[in-house]
Amino acid sequence: MTYYVYVLSNESNTLYVGVTNNLERRIIEHSFKIISSFTSKYNLNKLVYYQEFPDINDAIAAEKKIKGWTRKKKMELIKTINPKFKNLG
């Protein structure tokens, strides 16, 4: 199975870091606000970054690491694969 760490954003560039085993489903859940959460409150529905992992423990560790970073470092990470912050979803 493949696991994903992902970063969502919105028009004001608020960031959310999450982990899932089904990226497509999870983005749909965020987009349609199926789950009441931080992402629905701030309309975070633009996928700006994701990374694949073969092991759930590695994905969770990466998610926790990224969540602990400064906003600046998260933005630099996003720019490594998505310099224009386009919606990848």
C-alpha atoms as a PDB file:
ATOM      1  CA  MET A   1       0.000   0.000   0.000  1.00  0.00           C
ATOM      2  CA  THR A   2       1.098   3.582  -0.605  1.00  0.00           C
ATOM      3  CA  TYR A   3       0.751   6.341   1.980  1.00  0.00           C
ATOM      4  CA  TYR A   4       0.907  10.059   1.391  1.00  0.00           C
ATOM      5  CA  VAL A   5       1.921  13.125   3.326  1.00  0.00           C
ATOM      6  CA  TYR A   6       0.205  16.114   1.774  1.00  0.00           C
ATOM      7  CA  VAL A   7      -0.095  19.859   2.172  1.00  0.00           C
ATOM      8  CA  LEU A   8      -3.272  21.776   1.439  1.00  0.00           C
ATOM      9  CA  SER A   9      -3.584  25.509   1.022  1.00  0.00           C
ATOM     10  CA  ASN A  10      -6.144  28.178   0.135  1.00  0.00           C
ATOM     11  CA  GLU A  11      -6.169  31.610  -1.514  1.00  0.00           C
ATOM     12  CA  SER A  12      -4.525  33.232   1.523  1.00  0.00           C
ATOM     13  CA  ASN A  13      -1.848  30.485   1.654  1.00  0.00           C
ATOM     14  CA  THR A  14      -2.908  28.981   4.975  1.00  0.00           C
ATOM     15  CA  LEU A  15      -1.241  25.556   5.225  1.00  0.00           C
ATOM     16  CA  TYR A  16      -2.432  22.172   6.484  1.00  0.00           C
ATOM     17  CA  VAL A  17      -0.306  19.015   6.640  1.00  0.00           C
ATOM     18  CA  GLY A  18      -1.982  15.607   6.654  1.00  0.00           C
ATOM     19  CA  VAL A  19      -1.406  11.915   5.996  1.00  0.00           C
ATOM     20  CA  THR A  20      -3.607   9.393   4.166  1.00  0.00           C
ATOM     21  CA  ASN A  21      -3.571   6.087   2.319  1.00  0.00           C
ATOM     22  CA  ASN A  22      -5.901   7.383  -0.408  1.00  0.00           C
ATOM     23  CA  LEU A  23      -4.925  10.845  -1.590  1.00  0.00           C
ATOM     24  CA  GLU A  24      -7.675  11.215  -4.178  1.00  0.00           C
ATOM     25  CA  ARG A  25     -10.432  10.325  -1.688  1.00  0.00           C
ATOM     26  CA  ARG A  26      -8.959  12.551   0.996  1.00  0.00           C
ATOM     27  CA  ILE A  27      -8.773  15.580  -1.307  1.00  0.00           C
ATOM     28  CA  ILE A  28     -12.415  15.041  -2.274  1.00  0.00           C
ATOM     29  CA  GLU A  29     -13.353  14.897   1.419  1.00  0.00           C
ATOM     30  CA  HIS A  30     -11.549  18.180   2.029  1.00  0.00           C
ATOM     31  CA  SER A  31     -12.974  19.835  -1.104  1.00  0.00           C
ATOM     32  CA  PHE A  32     -16.570  18.954  -0.265  1.00  0.00           C
ATOM     33  CA  LYS A  33     -16.065  19.619   3.462  1.00  0.00           C
ATOM     34  CA  ILE A  34     -17.279  16.109   4.321  1.00  0.00           C
ATOM     35  CA  ILE A  35     -15.349  16.241   7.575  1.00  0.00           C
ATOM     36  CA  SER A  36     -15.811  19.272   9.805  1.00  0.00           C
ATOM     37  CA  SER A  37     -12.289  20.360  10.652  1.00  0.00           C
ATOM     38  CA  PHE A  38      -9.599  23.008  10.337  1.00  0.00           C
ATOM     39  CA  THR A  39      -9.567  22.439   6.574  1.00  0.00           C
ATOM     40  CA  SER A  40     -13.286  23.075   6.170  1.00  0.00           C
ATOM     41  CA  LYS A  41     -13.194  26.138   8.441  1.00  0.00           C
ATOM     42  CA  TYR A  42     -10.429  27.757   6.369  1.00  0.00           C
ATOM     43  CA  ASN A  43     -11.515  26.385   2.964  1.00  0.00           C
ATOM     44  CA  LEU A  44      -8.280  24.461   2.446  1.00  0.00           C
ATOM     45  CA  ASN A  45      -8.874  22.548  -0.753  1.00  0.00           C
ATOM     46  CA  LYS A  46      -5.828  23.193  -2.937  1.00  0.00           C
ATOM     47  CA  LEU A  47      -3.288  20.357  -2.962  1.00  0.00           C
ATOM     48  CA  VAL A  48       0.118  22.043  -3.213  1.00  0.00           C
ATOM     49  CA  TYR A  49       2.445  19.237  -2.130  1.00  0.00           C
ATOM     50  CA  TYR A  50       2.491  15.490  -1.588  1.00  0.00           C
ATOM     51  CA  GLN A  51       5.038  12.771  -1.018  1.00  0.00           C
ATOM     52  CA  GLU A  52       4.587   9.001  -1.265  1.00  0.00           C
ATOM     53  CA  PHE A  53       5.739   6.458   1.306  1.00  0.00           C
ATOM     54  CA  PRO A  54       5.561   2.645   1.218  1.00  0.00           C
ATOM     55  CA  ASP A  55       5.300   2.411   5.019  1.00  0.00           C
ATOM     56  CA  ILE A  56       2.687   4.107   7.221  1.00  0.00           C
ATOM     57  CA  ASN A  57       5.196   4.679  10.029  1.00  0.00           C
ATOM     58  CA  ASP A  58       7.487   6.596   7.674  1.00  0.00           C
ATOM     59  CA  ALA A  59       4.559   8.688   6.440  1.00  0.00           C
ATOM     60  CA  ILE A  60       3.432   9.536   9.975  1.00  0.00           C
ATOM     61  CA  ALA A  61       6.989  10.420  10.980  1.00  0.00           C
ATOM     62  CA  ALA A  62       7.323  12.729   7.956  1.00  0.00           C
ATOM     63  CA  GLU A  63       3.960  14.360   8.716  1.00  0.00           C
ATOM     64  CA  LYS A  64       4.999  15.060  12.316  1.00  0.00           C
ATOM     65  CA  LYS A  65       8.365  16.403  11.195  1.00  0.00           C
ATOM     66  CA  ILE A  66       6.813  18.776   8.643  1.00  0.00           C
ATOM     67  CA  LYS A  67       4.140  19.931  11.100  1.00  0.00           C
ATOM     68  CA  GLY A  68       6.962  20.964  13.453  1.00  0.00           C
ATOM     69  CA  TRP A  69       8.636  23.123  10.844  1.00  0.00           C
ATOM     70  CA  THR A  70       8.294  26.864  10.517  1.00  0.00           C
ATOM     71  CA  ARG A  71       5.940  28.241   7.893  1.00  0.00           C
ATOM     72  CA  LYS A  72       8.963  29.421   5.907  1.00  0.00           C
ATOM     73  CA  LYS A  73      10.455  25.924   5.801  1.00  0.00           C
ATOM     74  CA  LYS A  74       7.092  24.421   4.751  1.00  0.00           C
ATOM     75  CA  MET A  75       6.842  26.966   1.929  1.00  0.00           C
ATOM     76  CA  GLU A  76      10.375  26.071   0.798  1.00  0.00           C
ATOM     77  CA  LEU A  77       9.414  22.369   0.762  1.00  0.00           C
ATOM     78  CA  ILE A  78       6.368  23.083  -1.401  1.00  0.00           C
ATOM     79  CA  LYS A  79       8.482  25.107  -3.835  1.00  0.00           C
ATOM     80  CA  THR A  80      10.770  22.091  -4.412  1.00  0.00           C
ATOM     81  CA  ILE A  81       8.031  20.371  -6.434  1.00  0.00           C
ATOM     82  CA  ASN A  82       5.504  23.160  -6.999  1.00  0.00           C
ATOM     83  CA  PRO A  83       7.176  26.575  -7.293  1.00  0.00           C
ATOM     84  CA  LYS A  84       3.990  28.285  -8.553  1.00  0.00           C
ATOM     85  CA  PHE A  85       1.729  26.731  -5.892  1.00  0.00           C
ATOM     86  CA  LYS A  86      -0.589  25.267  -8.531  1.00  0.00           C
ATOM     87  CA  ASN A  87      -3.339  22.870  -7.490  1.00  0.00           C
ATOM     88  CA  LEU A  88      -1.929  19.367  -7.921  1.00  0.00           C
ATOM     89  CA  GLY A  89      -5.251  17.694  -7.127  1.00  0.00           C
END
